[in-house]
Amino acid sequence: EIASLSPSTFFPPLTYLGRLPFVNKLYTPGYSGHVISVNVSSIRVRQSSGSGGMFQILTRDTLGRIVDDSGNVTSVLLVPNGLQTASVKPLSIAASAMTGVAVRFKTFNPIPVDGRVIIGFPAGFNLTGCR
């Protein structure tokens, strides 16, 4: 049962006795290796877009010694999540009227405490003096 395992089961320390692991980069002629594909479900990626970060893939023997090391593996770029609903409605539809604008949206992720909400207006809207 995966839920009862500790994170260290999947992500063992990258050092042993304070030293970086020994990686044997010798090539064995005629051996092309095994292709292994693993899917791990229910992992939530971080809540902002940009670089996904660096990952490392290791294989270990039964004593915990590193057998293979991928080095740093670059992740894909994370894209912003879409707003689930969004609407912008002027409170008056009369041309050139001084009015307010009702903005509503529902986020997929929480807005960070130090985050900002930015609303872009199309050409022709005069925002001078708005609050």
Foldseek 3Di string as FASTA:
>chain_A
DVVPDDVCVVVPDQADPPHGADEDPDDDPPDPDDDDDDDDPDDDQDQDWFWSFWDKDFDADPVRHTHDIPPTDTDDTGDHDDWPDWDKAWPDPDPPDDTDIDIDTHHPDDADPPHDDDDDDDPPDDCPPPD
